[in-house]
PDB file of N, CA and C in Angstrom:
ATOM      1  N   MET A   1     158.896  78.841 187.862  1.00  0.00           N
ATOM      2  CA  MET A   1     157.645  78.071 187.396  1.00  0.00           C
ATOM      3  C   MET A   1     158.060  77.264 186.217  1.00  0.00           C
ATOM      4  N   LYS A   2     157.749  75.929 186.397  1.00  0.00           N
ATOM      5  CA  LYS A   2     158.101  74.981 185.437  1.00  0.00           C
ATOM      6  C   LYS A   2     157.445  75.185 184.023  1.00  0.00           C
ATOM      7  N   SER A   3     156.317  75.727 183.868  1.00  0.00           N
ATOM      8  CA  SER A   3     155.743  75.869 182.601  1.00  0.00           C
ATOM      9  C   SER A   3     156.297  77.031 181.802  1.00  0.00           C
ATOM     10  N   ARG A   4     157.123  77.868 182.412  1.00  0.00           N
ATOM     11  CA  ARG A   4     157.706  78.881 181.689  1.00  0.00           C
ATOM     12  C   ARG A   4     159.196  78.849 181.532  1.00  0.00           C
ATOM     13  N   SER A   5     159.829  77.750 182.029  1.00  0.00           N
ATOM     14  CA  SER A   5     161.284  77.607 182.037  1.00  0.00           C
ATOM     15  C   SER A   5     161.700  76.295 181.264  1.00  0.00           C
ATOM     16  N   LEU A   6     162.866  76.299 180.817  1.00  0.00           N
ATOM     17  CA  LEU A   6     163.646  75.004 180.152  1.00  0.00           C
ATOM     18  C   LEU A   6     164.791  74.673 180.953  1.00  0.00           C
ATOM     19  N   TYR A   7     164.935  73.529 181.557  1.00  0.00           N
ATOM     20  CA  TYR A   7     166.172  73.188 182.094  1.00  0.00           C
ATOM     21  C   TYR A   7     167.352  73.152 181.246  1.00  0.00           C
ATOM     22  N   GLY A   8     168.335  73.863 181.545  1.00  0.00           N
ATOM     23  CA  GLY A   8     169.642  73.929 180.803  1.00  0.00           C
ATOM     24  C   GLY A   8     169.688  74.972 179.689  1.00  0.00           C
ATOM     25  N   ILE A   9     168.638  75.846 179.653  1.00  0.00           N
ATOM     26  CA  ILE A   9     168.681  76.885 178.617  1.00  0.00           C
ATOM     27  C   ILE A   9     169.744  77.893 178.800  1.00  0.00           C
ATOM     28  N   PHE A  10     170.146  78.184 180.068  1.00  0.00           N
ATOM     29  CA  PHE A  10     171.255  79.152 180.181  1.00  0.00           C
ATOM     30  C   PHE A  10     172.528  78.693 179.675  1.00  0.00           C
ATOM     31  N   GLN A  11     172.891  77.360 179.885  1.00  0.00           N
ATOM     32  CA  GLN A  11     174.038  76.710 179.393  1.00  0.00           C
ATOM     33  C   GLN A  11     174.043  76.499 177.882  1.00  0.00           C
ATOM     34  N   ALA A  12     172.902  76.281 177.364  1.00  0.00           N
ATOM     35  CA  ALA A  12     172.785  75.842 176.011  1.00  0.00           C
ATOM     36  C   ALA A  12     172.478  76.814 174.922  1.00  0.00           C
ATOM     37  N   LYS A  13     171.988  78.007 175.338  1.00  0.00           N
ATOM     38  CA  LYS A  13     171.491  78.941 174.479  1.00  0.00           C
ATOM     39  C   LYS A  13     172.471  79.450 173.362  1.00  0.00           C
ATOM     40  N   LYS A  14     173.760  79.594 173.732  1.00  0.00           N
ATOM     41  CA  LYS A  14     174.600  79.937 172.679  1.00  0.00           C
ATOM     42  C   LYS A  14     174.875  78.854 171.689  1.00  0.00           C
ATOM     43  N   VAL A  15     175.004  77.715 172.074  1.00  0.00           N
ATOM     44  CA  VAL A  15     175.164  76.586 171.118  1.00  0.00           C
ATOM     45  C   VAL A  15     173.916  76.443 170.196  1.00  0.00           C
ATOM     46  N   ILE A  16     172.683  76.567 170.874  1.00  0.00           N
ATOM     47  CA  ILE A  16     171.405  76.391 170.212  1.00  0.00           C
ATOM     48  C   ILE A  16     171.405  77.477 169.120  1.00  0.00           C
ATOM     49  N   ALA A  17     171.746  78.761 169.419  1.00  0.00           N
ATOM     50  CA  ALA A  17     171.676  79.792 168.514  1.00  0.00           C
ATOM     51  C   ALA A  17     172.626  79.488 167.285  1.00  0.00           C
ATOM     52  N   SER A  18     173.814  79.097 167.657  1.00  0.00           N
ATOM     53  CA  SER A  18     174.827  78.942 166.536  1.00  0.00           C
ATOM     54  C   SER A  18     174.567  77.781 165.625  1.00  0.00           C
ATOM     55  N   THR A  19     173.912  76.746 166.181  1.00  0.00           N
ATOM     56  CA  THR A  19     173.624  75.541 165.341  1.00  0.00           C
ATOM     57  C   THR A  19     172.182  75.676 164.845  1.00  0.00           C
ATOM     58  N   GLU A  20     171.343  76.584 165.365  1.00  0.00           N
ATOM     59  CA  GLU A  20     170.031  76.714 164.904  1.00  0.00           C
ATOM     60  C   GLU A  20     169.236  75.507 165.124  1.00  0.00           C
ATOM     61  N   LEU A  21     169.555  74.760 166.179  1.00  0.00           N
ATOM     62  CA  LEU A  21     168.816  73.524 166.406  1.00  0.00           C
ATOM     63  C   LEU A  21     168.879  73.340 167.897  1.00  0.00           C
ATOM     64  N   CYS A  22     167.656  72.871 168.407  1.00  0.00           N
ATOM     65  CA  CYS A  22     167.453  72.700 169.939  1.00  0.00           C
ATOM     66  C   CYS A  22     166.901  71.291 170.057  1.00  0.00           C
ATOM     67  N   TYR A  23     167.632  70.481 170.826  1.00  0.00           N
ATOM     68  CA  TYR A  23     167.129  69.187 171.151  1.00  0.00           C
ATOM     69  C   TYR A  23     166.285  69.297 172.537  1.00  0.00           C
ATOM     70  N   LEU A  24     165.047  68.868 172.366  1.00  0.00           N
ATOM     71  CA  LEU A  24     164.205  68.942 173.635  1.00  0.00           C
ATOM     72  C   LEU A  24     164.017  67.520 174.162  1.00  0.00           C
ATOM     73  N   VAL A  25     164.307  67.386 175.469  1.00  0.00           N
ATOM     74  CA  VAL A  25     164.167  66.148 176.205  1.00  0.00           C
ATOM     75  C   VAL A  25     163.167  66.368 177.340  1.00  0.00           C
ATOM     76  N   GLU A  26     162.857  65.229 178.037  1.00  0.00           N
ATOM     77  CA  GLU A  26     161.902  65.207 179.056  1.00  0.00           C
ATOM     78  C   GLU A  26     162.535  65.822 180.343  1.00  0.00           C
ATOM     79  N   GLY A  27     163.623  65.331 180.808  1.00  0.00           N
ATOM     80  CA  GLY A  27     164.118  65.646 182.165  1.00  0.00           C
ATOM     81  C   GLY A  27     165.521  66.166 182.278  1.00  0.00           C
ATOM     82  N   TYR A  28     165.819  66.566 183.313  1.00  0.00           N
ATOM     83  CA  TYR A  28     167.226  67.067 183.476  1.00  0.00           C
ATOM     84  C   TYR A  28     168.315  66.060 183.464  1.00  0.00           C
ATOM     85  N   THR A  29     167.955  64.856 183.829  1.00  0.00           N
ATOM     86  CA  THR A  29     168.934  63.756 183.692  1.00  0.00           C
ATOM     87  C   THR A  29     169.329  63.523 182.220  1.00  0.00           C
ATOM     88  N   ASP A  30     168.333  63.630 181.385  1.00  0.00           N
ATOM     89  CA  ASP A  30     168.557  63.483 179.873  1.00  0.00           C
ATOM     90  C   ASP A  30     169.530  64.568 179.522  1.00  0.00           C
ATOM     91  N   VAL A  31     169.182  65.782 179.968  1.00  0.00           N
ATOM     92  CA  VAL A  31     170.139  66.929 179.654  1.00  0.00           C
ATOM     93  C   VAL A  31     171.646  66.710 180.037  1.00  0.00           C
ATOM     94  N   ILE A  32     171.723  66.319 181.181  1.00  0.00           N
ATOM     95  CA  ILE A  32     173.028  65.982 181.765  1.00  0.00           C
ATOM     96  C   ILE A  32     173.772  64.887 181.024  1.00  0.00           C
ATOM     97  N   SER A  33     173.007  63.720 180.638  1.00  0.00           N
ATOM     98  CA  SER A  33     173.624  62.640 179.864  1.00  0.00           C
ATOM     99  C   SER A  33     174.045  63.085 178.620  1.00  0.00           C
ATOM    100  N   LEU A  34     173.304  63.876 177.907  1.00  0.00           N
ATOM    101  CA  LEU A  34     173.624  64.385 176.449  1.00  0.00           C
ATOM    102  C   LEU A  34     174.905  65.275 176.642  1.00  0.00           C
ATOM    103  N   HIS A  35     174.905  66.243 177.614  1.00  0.00           N
ATOM    104  CA  HIS A  35     176.045  67.062 177.786  1.00  0.00           C
ATOM    105  C   HIS A  35     177.225  66.209 177.981  1.00  0.00           C
ATOM    106  N   GLN A  36     177.238  65.206 178.749  1.00  0.00           N
ATOM    107  CA  GLN A  36     178.401  64.353 179.005  1.00  0.00           C
ATOM    108  C   GLN A  36     178.815  63.593 177.760  1.00  0.00           C
ATOM    109  N   ALA A  37     177.910  63.459 176.805  1.00  0.00           N
ATOM    110  CA  ALA A  37     178.146  62.814 175.621  1.00  0.00           C
ATOM    111  C   ALA A  37     178.677  63.829 174.464  1.00  0.00           C
ATOM    112  N   GLY A  38     178.640  65.046 174.832  1.00  0.00           N
ATOM    113  CA  GLY A  38     179.224  66.106 173.953  1.00  0.00           C
ATOM    114  C   GLY A  38     178.171  66.952 173.308  1.00  0.00           C
ATOM    115  N   ILE A  39     176.859  66.550 173.420  1.00  0.00           N
ATOM    116  CA  ILE A  39     175.801  67.199 172.815  1.00  0.00           C
ATOM    117  C   ILE A  39     175.230  68.312 173.696  1.00  0.00           C
ATOM    118  N   THR A  40     175.487  69.552 173.445  1.00  0.00           N
ATOM    119  CA  THR A  40     175.181  70.651 174.371  1.00  0.00           C
ATOM    120  C   THR A  40     173.986  71.551 173.965  1.00  0.00           C
ATOM    121  N   ASN A  41     173.347  71.278 172.815  1.00  0.00           N
ATOM    122  CA  ASN A  41     172.394  72.194 172.387  1.00  0.00           C
ATOM    123  C   ASN A  41     170.981  71.458 172.833  1.00  0.00           C
ATOM    124  N   VAL A  42     170.907  71.130 174.082  1.00  0.00           N
ATOM    125  CA  VAL A  42     169.841  70.421 174.567  1.00  0.00           C
ATOM    126  C   VAL A  42     169.226  71.009 175.860  1.00  0.00           C
ATOM    127  N   VAL A  43     167.874  71.014 175.905  1.00  0.00           N
ATOM    128  CA  VAL A  43     167.165  71.506 176.979  1.00  0.00           C
ATOM    129  C   VAL A  43     166.102  70.535 177.392  1.00  0.00           C
ATOM    130  N   ALA A  44     165.634  70.710 178.613  1.00  0.00           N
ATOM    131  CA  ALA A  44     164.399  69.806 179.090  1.00  0.00           C
ATOM    132  C   ALA A  44     163.155  70.668 179.487  1.00  0.00           C
ATOM    133  N   SER A  45     162.158  70.064 179.145  1.00  0.00           N
ATOM    134  CA  SER A  45     160.785  70.672 179.357  1.00  0.00           C
ATOM    135  C   SER A  45     160.371  70.287 180.916  1.00  0.00           C
ATOM    136  N   SER A  46     161.156  69.475 181.518  1.00  0.00           N
ATOM    137  CA  SER A  46     160.861  69.017 182.820  1.00  0.00           C
ATOM    138  C   SER A  46     159.416  68.295 182.895  1.00  0.00           C
ATOM    139  N   GLY A  47     159.308  67.249 182.217  1.00  0.00           N
ATOM    140  CA  GLY A  47     158.100  66.541 181.998  1.00  0.00           C
ATOM    141  C   GLY A  47     157.668  66.588 180.513  1.00  0.00           C
ATOM    142  N   THR A  48     156.500  65.917 180.331  1.00  0.00           N
ATOM    143  CA  THR A  48     156.037  65.786 178.923  1.00  0.00           C
ATOM    144  C   THR A  48     155.019  66.997 178.655  1.00  0.00           C
ATOM    145  N   SER A  49     154.822  67.797 179.497  1.00  0.00           N
ATOM    146  CA  SER A  49     153.797  68.917 179.190  1.00  0.00           C
ATOM    147  C   SER A  49     154.466  70.154 178.550  1.00  0.00           C
ATOM    148  N   LEU A  50     154.830  70.060 177.360  1.00  0.00           N
ATOM    149  CA  LEU A  50     155.475  71.244 176.686  1.00  0.00           C
ATOM    150  C   LEU A  50     154.432  72.411 176.642  1.00  0.00           C
ATOM    151  N   THR A  51     154.783  73.562 177.055  1.00  0.00           N
ATOM    152  CA  THR A  51     153.895  74.691 176.994  1.00  0.00           C
ATOM    153  C   THR A  51     154.140  75.728 175.946  1.00  0.00           C
ATOM    154  N   GLU A  52     153.222  76.596 175.579  1.00  0.00           N
ATOM    155  CA  GLU A  52     153.358  77.683 174.564  1.00  0.00           C
ATOM    156  C   GLU A  52     154.554  78.543 174.981  1.00  0.00           C
ATOM    157  N   GLU A  53     154.586  78.876 176.345  1.00  0.00           N
ATOM    158  CA  GLU A  53     155.819  79.688 176.672  1.00  0.00           C
ATOM    159  C   GLU A  53     157.133  79.016 176.431  1.00  0.00           C
ATOM    160  N   GLN A  54     157.199  77.752 176.624  1.00  0.00           N
ATOM    161  CA  GLN A  54     158.539  76.939 176.386  1.00  0.00           C
ATOM    162  C   GLN A  54     158.809  77.081 174.928  1.00  0.00           C
ATOM    163  N   VAL A  55     157.802  76.860 174.066  1.00  0.00           N
ATOM    164  CA  VAL A  55     158.033  76.910 172.641  1.00  0.00           C
ATOM    165  C   VAL A  55     158.553  78.233 172.247  1.00  0.00           C
ATOM    166  N   ARG A  56     157.927  79.338 172.729  1.00  0.00           N
ATOM    167  CA  ARG A  56     158.330  80.579 172.418  1.00  0.00           C
ATOM    168  C   ARG A  56     159.847  80.943 172.805  1.00  0.00           C
ATOM    169  N   LEU A  57     160.252  80.310 174.016  1.00  0.00           N
ATOM    170  CA  LEU A  57     161.578  80.478 174.447  1.00  0.00           C
ATOM    171  C   LEU A  57     162.561  79.841 173.546  1.00  0.00           C
ATOM    172  N   ILE A  58     162.214  78.520 173.122  1.00  0.00           N
ATOM    173  CA  ILE A  58     163.084  77.838 172.095  1.00  0.00           C
ATOM    174  C   ILE A  58     163.186  78.647 170.887  1.00  0.00           C
ATOM    175  N   LYS A  59     162.117  79.240 170.329  1.00  0.00           N
ATOM    176  CA  LYS A  59     162.045  79.881 169.054  1.00  0.00           C
ATOM    177  C   LYS A  59     163.006  81.038 169.194  1.00  0.00           C
ATOM    178  N   ARG A  60     163.098  81.779 170.384  1.00  0.00           N
ATOM    179  CA  ARG A  60     164.039  82.886 170.464  1.00  0.00           C
ATOM    180  C   ARG A  60     165.494  82.523 169.891  1.00  0.00           C
ATOM    181  N   TYR A  61     165.841  81.390 170.186  1.00  0.00           N
ATOM    182  CA  TYR A  61     167.236  80.772 169.879  1.00  0.00           C
ATOM    183  C   TYR A  61     167.423  80.072 168.607  1.00  0.00           C
ATOM    184  N   ALA A  62     166.453  79.342 168.241  1.00  0.00           N
ATOM    185  CA  ALA A  62     166.523  78.318 167.086  1.00  0.00           C
ATOM    186  C   ALA A  62     165.179  78.195 166.321  1.00  0.00           C
ATOM    187  N   PRO A  63     165.420  78.073 164.980  1.00  0.00           N
ATOM    188  CA  PRO A  63     164.205  77.921 164.131  1.00  0.00           C
ATOM    189  C   PRO A  63     163.842  76.324 164.162  1.00  0.00           C
ATOM    190  N   THR A  64     164.677  75.486 164.647  1.00  0.00           N
ATOM    191  CA  THR A  64     164.401  74.020 164.545  1.00  0.00           C
ATOM    192  C   THR A  64     164.464  73.378 165.866  1.00  0.00           C
ATOM    193  N   VAL A  65     163.575  72.557 166.160  1.00  0.00           N
ATOM    194  CA  VAL A  65     163.544  71.812 167.433  1.00  0.00           C
ATOM    195  C   VAL A  65     163.319  70.348 167.187  1.00  0.00           C
ATOM    196  N   CYS A  66     164.119  69.536 167.842  1.00  0.00           N
ATOM    197  CA  CYS A  66     163.997  68.036 167.741  1.00  0.00           C
ATOM    198  C   CYS A  66     163.537  67.604 169.018  1.00  0.00           C
ATOM    199  N   ILE A  67     162.341  66.925 169.043  1.00  0.00           N
ATOM    200  CA  ILE A  67     161.786  66.546 170.300  1.00  0.00           C
ATOM    201  C   ILE A  67     162.230  65.064 170.555  1.00  0.00           C
ATOM    202  N   LEU A  68     162.902  64.825 171.614  1.00  0.00           N
ATOM    203  CA  LEU A  68     163.426  63.490 172.050  1.00  0.00           C
ATOM    204  C   LEU A  68     162.874  62.981 173.329  1.00  0.00           C
ATOM    205  N   TYR A  69     161.522  62.933 173.341  1.00  0.00           N
ATOM    206  CA  TYR A  69     160.918  62.358 174.644  1.00  0.00           C
ATOM    207  C   TYR A  69     161.163  60.852 174.698  1.00  0.00           C
ATOM    208  N   ASP A  70     160.918  60.184 175.839  1.00  0.00           N
ATOM    209  CA  ASP A  70     160.986  58.840 176.021  1.00  0.00           C
ATOM    210  C   ASP A  70     159.963  58.068 175.110  1.00  0.00           C
ATOM    211  N   GLY A  71     160.342  56.801 174.825  1.00  0.00           N
ATOM    212  CA  GLY A  71     159.540  55.985 173.967  1.00  0.00           C
ATOM    213  C   GLY A  71     158.341  55.311 174.418  1.00  0.00           C
ATOM    214  N   ASP A  72     158.028  55.665 175.790  1.00  0.00           N
ATOM    215  CA  ASP A  72     156.929  55.073 176.241  1.00  0.00           C
ATOM    216  C   ASP A  72     155.715  55.701 175.765  1.00  0.00           C
ATOM    217  N   ALA A  73     154.521  55.280 176.091  1.00  0.00           N
ATOM    218  CA  ALA A  73     153.226  55.828 175.577  1.00  0.00           C
ATOM    219  C   ALA A  73     153.071  57.237 175.827  1.00  0.00           C
ATOM    220  N   ALA A  74     153.456  57.664 177.108  1.00  0.00           N
ATOM    221  CA  ALA A  74     153.223  59.087 177.442  1.00  0.00           C
ATOM    222  C   ALA A  74     154.183  59.933 176.720  1.00  0.00           C
ATOM    223  N   GLY A  75     155.377  59.452 176.538  1.00  0.00           N
ATOM    224  CA  GLY A  75     156.488  60.221 175.655  1.00  0.00           C
ATOM    225  C   GLY A  75     156.092  60.449 174.213  1.00  0.00           C
ATOM    226  N   MET A  76     155.534  59.343 173.681  1.00  0.00           N
ATOM    227  CA  MET A  76     155.134  59.317 172.269  1.00  0.00           C
ATOM    228  C   MET A  76     153.843  60.411 171.993  1.00  0.00           C
ATOM    229  N   LYS A  77     153.019  60.261 172.987  1.00  0.00           N
ATOM    230  CA  LYS A  77     151.761  61.122 172.955  1.00  0.00           C
ATOM    231  C   LYS A  77     152.226  62.611 173.057  1.00  0.00           C
ATOM    232  N   ALA A  78     153.167  62.836 174.011  1.00  0.00           N
ATOM    233  CA  ALA A  78     153.714  64.213 174.259  1.00  0.00           C
ATOM    234  C   ALA A  78     154.438  64.775 173.078  1.00  0.00           C
ATOM    235  N   SER A  79     155.182  63.788 172.400  1.00  0.00           N
ATOM    236  CA  SER A  79     155.952  64.227 171.231  1.00  0.00           C
ATOM    237  C   SER A  79     155.024  64.791 170.175  1.00  0.00           C
ATOM    238  N   LEU A  80     154.005  64.062 169.937  1.00  0.00           N
ATOM    239  CA  LEU A  80     152.930  64.508 168.915  1.00  0.00           C
ATOM    240  C   LEU A  80     152.300  65.780 169.190  1.00  0.00           C
ATOM    241  N   ARG A  81     151.929  65.843 170.594  1.00  0.00           N
ATOM    242  CA  ARG A  81     151.359  67.108 171.104  1.00  0.00           C
ATOM    243  C   ARG A  81     152.429  68.362 170.928  1.00  0.00           C
ATOM    244  N   GLY A  82     153.553  68.026 171.371  1.00  0.00           N
ATOM    245  CA  GLY A  82     154.701  69.129 171.261  1.00  0.00           C
ATOM    246  C   GLY A  82     154.942  69.528 169.939  1.00  0.00           C
ATOM    247  N   SER A  83     154.957  68.584 168.932  1.00  0.00           N
ATOM    248  CA  SER A  83     155.330  69.014 167.559  1.00  0.00           C
ATOM    249  C   SER A  83     154.113  69.781 167.009  1.00  0.00           C
ATOM    250  N   ASN A  84     152.919  69.558 167.408  1.00  0.00           N
ATOM    251  CA  ASN A  84     151.734  70.315 166.987  1.00  0.00           C
ATOM    252  C   ASN A  84     151.924  71.739 167.456  1.00  0.00           C
ATOM    253  N   TRP A  85     152.355  71.880 168.755  1.00  0.00           N
ATOM    254  CA  TRP A  85     152.606  73.193 169.293  1.00  0.00           C
ATOM    255  C   TRP A  85     153.695  73.919 168.476  1.00  0.00           C
ATOM    256  N   CYS A  86     154.736  73.231 168.111  1.00  0.00           N
ATOM    257  CA  CYS A  86     155.788  73.889 167.470  1.00  0.00           C
ATOM    258  C   CYS A  86     155.429  74.198 166.103  1.00  0.00           C
ATOM    259  N   PHE A  87     154.682  73.405 165.329  1.00  0.00           N
ATOM    260  CA  PHE A  87     154.156  73.711 163.971  1.00  0.00           C
ATOM    261  C   PHE A  87     153.243  75.015 164.121  1.00  0.00           C
ATOM    262  N   ALA A  88     152.390  75.036 165.266  1.00  0.00           N
ATOM    263  CA  ALA A  88     151.460  76.082 165.199  1.00  0.00           C
ATOM    264  C   ALA A  88     152.142  77.452 165.497  1.00  0.00           C
ATOM    265  N   LYS A  89     153.275  77.362 166.178  1.00  0.00           N
ATOM    266  CA  LYS A  89     154.119  78.535 166.510  1.00  0.00           C
ATOM    267  C   LYS A  89     155.139  78.954 165.481  1.00  0.00           C
ATOM    268  N   GLY A  90     155.233  78.141 164.364  1.00  0.00           N
ATOM    269  CA  GLY A  90     156.169  78.450 163.297  1.00  0.00           C
ATOM    270  C   GLY A  90     157.488  77.740 163.584  1.00  0.00           C
TER     271      GLY A  90
END
């Protein structure tokens, strides 16, 4: 179920935990591109609708999340909504 999973979490969780930082992107191609560039503490929400379950999953591994959604209107709106979720959940 998309609302409860994060693309790339299995591969990234150790690095996320050790760096205490998770980069959150929109899609799986963003994850792949960042991995190819050497940035491996990255996961995707598979769209712009970040859920409470996904925030909880990130929080299990890192206290800090950096939301890197697309710069279009939908991505900017989702970044604000997602950051509000993250602040609300600590």
